[in-house]
Amino acid sequence: YQRRVRGEMSAEDIKDSTIRQEVWDGTIPVAFFLSPSDLSGNQRTAPEPYFSNLPRISYFPIVTGNVKEYFSPFVTSALVDQPLWFEAKGIALKGHHPIGILYDLFGDHQLPWEVIVHFSGFPSEKLILLESLNVMRSHWINTMKEASYLKHGDVKKMNSLTVAETQDIWEFFVNNKFDAFWKINEKLASDKDTIRYVPVRICKQDRFLQEPVLPKLENGQEETLGGVLAKQVGQYFHQTEDGSVQTTSPCKILVHGISPPLETPILWLSQNMSHSDGFLYIILLPS
């Protein structure tokens, strides 16, 4: 990994199928606990937690149908059809963000990650109500279009997909079919020399930052992870005249749970470690 991200790759090597597969296969063990406030009065004791190994790149609304089925017998019938939501250490978890992002922001290295399941009191002021998988799919597709627009300046590549391909890429993602997903997703890719902006989101616990990121500097050199951070979160990073980047305030940078070197080309990260929606998510945690 170190050799790949330190710039020791040719143009042909920028798309690394091994890294993509490892990103796709990443999981987080989660222990789901029913909120005590939702326990039916007929139940004397709380049910045992429900354990599941969840894909980092997936979303809670996609993978928690079994969680709802498991806990439903322990709540009153009036709550069974209410929208499910999740909490960790007092933080309402946003279902439209990938599970790995939520864990890296709020998991605090806890394994298994303890998550509270709520059937009541949906906090509409904090969370987007994803009433069905179709709503989740629409949000995901729209985010893909946003990423495509940043890369190409339009959404022609997204619109060029057939109706069947647009449906299939979602189904392949949901059903964990890596090769089939990437066969379609490659149609949305661009040559590295034609990318307009790199779709990047810098994720802090209180907000996400999204600014245009050029793949190259004015001198033709590749933009790096450190360069992007120095430009967008200058309170934590400083770029010197020779181009090197130094931290000015203690913090941790994570991409899919690991800390890439600051000199990693941002385009390489985008090509190989973006999420399924096309965005590269960079976690910034103050130390």
Protein backbone atom coordinates (compact mmCIF):
# COMPACT_ATOMS: atom_id res chain seq x y z
CA TYR A 1 0.00 0.00 0.00
CA GLN A 2 2.75 2.45 0.92
CA ARG A 3 4.47 1.95 -2.46
CA ARG A 4 1.20 2.51 -4.33
CA VAL A 5 0.27 5.77 -2.64
CA ARG A 6 3.71 7.41 -2.61
CA GLY A 7 3.48 8.14 -6.32
CA GLU A 8 5.41 5.06 -7.46
CA MET A 9 2.84 4.04 -10.06
CA SER A 10 2.41 4.59 -13.76
CA ALA A 11 -0.73 5.98 -15.38
CA GLU A 12 -1.82 2.43 -16.13
CA ASP A 13 -1.62 1.54 -12.44
CA ILE A 14 -3.88 4.30 -11.14
CA LYS A 15 -6.91 2.00 -11.02
CA ASP A 16 -6.01 -0.71 -8.54
CA SER A 17 -8.55 -3.53 -8.51
CA THR A 18 -6.98 -5.10 -5.42
CA ILE A 19 -7.47 -1.94 -3.35
CA ARG A 20 -10.99 -1.54 -4.70
CA GLN A 21 -11.83 -5.09 -3.66
CA GLU A 22 -10.39 -4.56 -0.17
CA VAL A 23 -12.43 -1.37 0.23
CA TRP A 24 -15.56 -3.21 -0.93
CA ASP A 25 -14.97 -6.11 1.48
CA GLY A 26 -14.42 -3.97 4.60
CA THR A 27 -16.86 -4.69 7.43
CA ILE A 28 -17.70 -3.47 10.94
CA PRO A 29 -19.11 -5.75 13.66
CA VAL A 30 -22.14 -4.08 15.23
CA ALA A 31 -24.11 -4.97 18.38
CA PHE A 32 -27.65 -3.58 18.18
CA PHE A 33 -29.51 -2.93 21.45
CA LEU A 34 -33.20 -2.07 21.72
CA SER A 35 -33.86 1.30 23.33
CA PRO A 36 -35.33 0.70 26.83
CA SER A 37 -37.97 3.35 26.14
CA ASP A 38 -39.39 1.22 23.31
CA LEU A 39 -39.66 -2.01 25.30
CA SER A 40 -43.24 -3.25 25.53
CA GLY A 41 -44.81 -3.25 28.98
CA ASN A 42 -45.38 -6.99 28.60
CA GLN A 43 -41.64 -7.60 28.46
CA ARG A 44 -39.90 -8.00 31.80
CA THR A 45 -36.38 -7.98 30.47
CA ALA A 46 -34.69 -6.44 27.49
CA PRO A 47 -33.91 -8.76 24.58
CA GLU A 48 -30.39 -9.90 23.87
CA PRO A 49 -28.49 -7.67 21.44
CA TYR A 50 -28.56 -8.46 17.75
CA PHE A 51 -25.09 -8.91 16.25
CA SER A 52 -24.26 -8.29 12.60
CA ASN A 53 -21.15 -7.77 10.50
CA LEU A 54 -22.01 -4.82 8.26
CA PRO A 55 -20.26 -3.62 5.09
CA ARG A 56 -18.47 -0.31 5.63
CA ILE A 57 -19.65 0.98 2.26
CA SER A 58 -23.34 0.19 2.83
CA TYR A 59 -26.08 2.12 4.63
CA PHE A 60 -28.17 1.31 7.69
CA PRO A 61 -31.52 1.37 5.79
CA ILE A 62 -30.20 -1.28 3.40
CA VAL A 63 -28.80 -3.79 5.88
CA THR A 64 -31.00 -3.52 8.99
CA GLY A 65 -34.19 -5.25 7.88
CA ASN A 66 -33.25 -8.24 10.04
CA VAL A 67 -32.64 -5.92 12.99
CA LYS A 68 -36.20 -4.62 12.81
CA GLU A 69 -37.60 -8.13 12.43
CA TYR A 70 -35.60 -9.33 15.46
CA PHE A 71 -36.72 -6.54 17.83
CA SER A 72 -40.33 -6.12 16.62
CA PRO A 73 -41.77 -8.77 18.99
CA PHE A 74 -40.41 -6.81 21.95
CA VAL A 75 -42.19 -3.51 21.20
CA THR A 76 -45.86 -2.58 21.18
CA SER A 77 -47.76 -3.17 17.93
CA ALA A 78 -48.26 0.59 17.56
CA LEU A 79 -44.50 1.06 17.13
CA VAL A 80 -43.72 -1.76 14.72
CA ASP A 81 -44.47 0.30 11.60
CA GLN A 82 -42.77 3.47 12.83
CA PRO A 83 -39.54 4.54 11.09
CA LEU A 84 -36.48 2.92 12.60
CA TRP A 85 -33.52 5.07 13.59
CA PHE A 86 -30.18 4.48 15.26
CA GLU A 87 -28.07 6.15 17.90
CA ALA A 88 -24.54 5.73 19.22
CA LYS A 89 -23.40 7.43 22.42
CA GLY A 90 -26.18 9.99 22.17
CA ILE A 91 -25.57 10.77 18.49
CA ALA A 92 -28.43 10.19 16.04
CA LEU A 93 -26.84 8.36 13.09
CA LYS A 94 -27.69 9.71 9.65
CA GLY A 95 -28.94 6.85 7.52
CA HIS A 96 -27.96 8.50 4.23
CA HIS A 97 -24.27 8.41 5.21
CA PRO A 98 -22.26 5.20 4.69
CA ILE A 99 -21.88 3.01 7.78
CA GLY A 100 -18.08 3.21 7.67
CA ILE A 101 -18.19 7.01 7.73
CA LEU A 102 -20.48 6.98 10.76
CA TYR A 103 -18.26 4.49 12.56
CA ASP A 104 -15.05 6.40 11.87
CA LEU A 105 -16.69 9.61 13.12
CA PHE A 106 -18.49 8.29 16.17
CA GLY A 107 -17.37 4.69 16.84
CA ASP A 108 -14.34 5.62 18.94
CA HIS A 109 -12.63 2.31 18.00
CA GLN A 110 -15.35 0.33 19.84
CA LEU A 111 -15.71 -3.26 18.57
CA PRO A 112 -18.30 -4.47 18.30
CA TRP A 113 -19.83 -1.05 17.80
CA GLU A 114 -22.77 -0.66 20.18
CA VAL A 115 -25.75 0.95 18.44
CA ILE A 116 -29.14 1.71 20.00
CA VAL A 117 -32.24 0.87 17.95
CA HIS A 118 -35.25 3.21 18.25
CA PHE A 119 -38.79 2.54 17.06
CA SER A 120 -40.20 5.79 18.45
CA GLY A 121 -39.32 9.46 18.60
CA PHE A 122 -37.83 9.85 15.14
CA PRO A 123 -35.75 13.08 15.32
CA SER A 124 -36.92 14.72 12.09
CA GLU A 125 -34.94 17.86 12.89
CA LYS A 126 -31.70 15.85 12.73
CA LEU A 127 -32.30 13.00 10.30
CA ILE A 128 -33.64 12.55 6.77
CA LEU A 129 -36.64 10.22 6.78
CA LEU A 130 -35.83 7.37 4.40
CA GLU A 131 -39.24 5.75 4.26
CA SER A 132 -38.26 2.95 1.90
CA LEU A 133 -35.33 1.52 -0.03
CA ASN A 134 -36.61 3.39 -3.08
CA VAL A 135 -36.06 6.68 -1.24
CA MET A 136 -32.58 5.52 -0.24
CA ARG A 137 -31.89 4.53 -3.85
CA SER A 138 -33.01 7.94 -5.15
CA HIS A 139 -30.71 9.72 -2.70
CA TRP A 140 -27.80 7.45 -3.70
CA ILE A 141 -28.37 7.97 -7.44
CA ASN A 142 -28.60 11.74 -6.97
CA THR A 143 -25.29 11.73 -5.09
CA MET A 144 -23.72 9.72 -7.92
CA LYS A 145 -24.98 12.37 -10.37
CA GLU A 146 -23.43 15.10 -8.23
CA ALA A 147 -20.09 13.29 -8.23
CA SER A 148 -20.33 12.78 -11.99
CA TYR A 149 -21.04 16.46 -12.54
CA LEU A 150 -17.97 17.44 -10.54
CA LYS A 151 -15.77 15.08 -12.55
CA HIS A 152 -17.11 15.83 -16.02
CA GLY A 153 -18.93 19.17 -15.83
CA ASP A 154 -22.19 17.47 -16.77
CA VAL A 155 -24.18 14.27 -16.10
CA LYS A 156 -23.99 12.86 -19.62
CA LYS A 157 -22.26 9.69 -18.45
CA MET A 158 -24.97 9.04 -15.84
CA ASN A 159 -27.70 9.77 -18.35
CA SER A 160 -26.04 7.47 -20.90
CA LEU A 161 -26.76 4.45 -18.70
CA THR A 162 -29.79 2.47 -19.77
CA VAL A 163 -32.76 2.18 -17.44
CA ALA A 164 -31.73 -1.41 -16.78
CA GLU A 165 -28.15 -0.41 -15.95
CA THR A 166 -29.33 2.31 -13.57
CA GLN A 167 -31.43 -0.26 -11.74
CA ASP A 168 -28.78 -2.96 -11.92
CA ILE A 169 -25.95 -0.87 -10.48
CA TRP A 170 -28.09 -0.28 -7.38
CA GLU A 171 -29.06 -3.95 -7.13
CA PHE A 172 -25.46 -5.07 -7.56
CA PHE A 173 -24.38 -2.67 -4.81
CA VAL A 174 -27.13 -3.79 -2.41
CA ASN A 175 -26.46 -7.47 -3.10
CA ASN A 176 -22.67 -7.17 -2.77
CA LYS A 177 -21.80 -8.10 -6.38
CA PHE A 178 -18.44 -6.40 -6.80
CA ASP A 179 -17.56 -7.38 -10.37
CA ALA A 180 -21.03 -6.67 -11.76
CA PHE A 181 -21.17 -3.30 -9.98
CA TRP A 182 -17.78 -2.19 -11.32
CA LYS A 183 -18.58 -3.33 -14.86
CA ILE A 184 -21.27 -0.62 -14.93
CA ASN A 185 -19.48 1.86 -12.69
CA GLU A 186 -16.46 1.94 -15.02
CA LYS A 187 -18.74 3.56 -17.61
CA LEU A 188 -18.98 6.57 -15.29
CA ALA A 189 -15.22 6.92 -15.02
CA SER A 190 -13.03 9.44 -16.86
CA ASP A 191 -9.50 9.38 -18.11
CA LYS A 192 -7.33 10.84 -15.39
CA ASP A 193 -6.29 13.72 -17.68
CA THR A 194 -9.87 14.84 -18.34
CA ILE A 195 -11.25 14.97 -14.81
CA ARG A 196 -12.49 18.48 -13.99
CA TYR A 197 -12.78 18.21 -10.22
CA VAL A 198 -12.24 15.34 -7.79
CA PRO A 199 -15.41 14.62 -5.76
CA VAL A 200 -14.22 14.95 -2.15
CA ARG A 201 -16.00 15.43 1.15
CA ILE A 202 -14.05 16.18 4.32
CA CYS A 203 -16.07 14.80 7.22
CA LYS A 204 -15.99 16.30 10.70
CA GLN A 205 -18.24 15.26 13.54
CA ASP A 206 -20.31 18.43 13.30
CA ARG A 207 -20.38 18.97 9.52
CA PHE A 208 -19.16 17.89 6.09
CA LEU A 209 -17.01 20.19 3.93
CA GLN A 210 -17.22 20.05 0.14
CA GLU A 211 -15.13 22.38 -1.99
CA PRO A 212 -13.91 21.98 -5.60
CA VAL A 213 -10.70 19.92 -5.70
CA LEU A 214 -8.46 20.14 -8.77
CA PRO A 215 -6.60 16.90 -9.61
CA LYS A 216 -3.42 18.79 -10.54
CA LEU A 217 -1.55 21.90 -9.45
CA GLU A 218 -0.71 24.82 -11.76
CA ASN A 219 2.77 23.34 -12.28
CA GLY A 220 1.26 20.07 -13.54
CA GLN A 221 2.09 18.04 -10.47
CA GLU A 222 -0.63 15.89 -8.92
CA GLU A 223 -2.57 17.35 -6.04
CA THR A 224 -2.08 15.38 -2.83
CA LEU A 225 -4.17 14.50 0.17
CA GLY A 226 -2.10 16.88 2.26
CA GLY A 227 -2.50 19.67 -0.27
CA VAL A 228 -6.28 19.34 -0.21
CA LEU A 229 -6.32 19.38 3.59
CA ALA A 230 -4.04 22.42 3.77
CA LYS A 231 -6.39 24.31 1.45
CA GLN A 232 -9.67 23.32 3.09
CA VAL A 233 -8.83 22.87 6.79
CA GLY A 234 -5.89 25.20 7.24
CA GLN A 235 -6.36 25.27 11.00
CA TYR A 236 -4.97 21.71 11.05
CA PHE A 237 -2.50 21.66 8.14
CA HIS A 238 0.06 24.00 6.61
CA GLN A 239 1.74 23.66 3.21
CA THR A 240 5.32 24.94 3.03
CA GLU A 241 6.96 26.61 0.05
CA ASP A 242 8.53 23.32 -1.07
CA GLY A 243 5.08 21.72 -1.22
CA SER A 244 5.36 19.51 1.85
CA VAL A 245 2.46 19.53 4.31
CA GLN A 246 2.76 19.66 8.07
CA THR A 247 0.15 19.36 10.79
CA THR A 248 -0.38 22.51 12.84
CA SER A 249 -2.92 21.04 15.25
CA PRO A 250 -3.13 17.40 16.43
CA CYS A 251 -5.67 15.42 14.42
CA LYS A 252 -6.27 12.07 12.78
CA ILE A 253 -7.05 11.55 9.09
CA LEU A 254 -8.89 8.39 8.02
CA VAL A 255 -10.04 6.98 4.70
CA HIS A 256 -11.94 3.72 5.14
CA GLY A 257 -10.48 3.39 8.62
CA ILE A 258 -6.82 3.79 7.65
CA SER A 259 -4.48 6.80 7.62
CA PRO A 260 -2.95 7.33 4.15
CA PRO A 261 0.30 9.31 3.84
CA LEU A 262 -0.33 13.02 3.21
CA GLU A 263 1.65 12.79 -0.06
CA THR A 264 -0.86 10.33 -1.54
CA PRO A 265 -2.19 11.68 -4.88
CA ILE A 266 -5.79 12.73 -4.33
CA LEU A 267 -6.80 11.36 -7.74
CA TRP A 268 -5.43 7.91 -6.86
CA LEU A 269 -7.44 7.95 -3.65
CA SER A 270 -10.54 8.98 -5.57
CA GLN A 271 -10.11 6.29 -8.23
CA ASN A 272 -9.59 3.48 -5.73
CA MET A 273 -11.05 4.45 -2.36
CA SER A 274 -14.18 6.42 -3.18
CA HIS A 275 -17.50 5.14 -1.88
CA SER A 276 -20.12 3.65 -4.16
CA ASP A 277 -21.73 7.08 -4.63
CA GLY A 278 -18.59 8.40 -6.32
CA PHE A 279 -17.32 10.59 -3.48
CA LEU A 280 -14.05 10.24 -1.60
CA TYR A 281 -14.80 10.71 2.10
CA ILE A 282 -11.93 11.94 4.29
CA ILE A 283 -12.48 11.75 8.04
CA LEU A 284 -10.89 14.48 10.17
CA LEU A 285 -10.86 13.84 13.92
CA PRO A 286 -9.16 16.27 16.34
CA SER A 287 -6.80 14.38 18.65
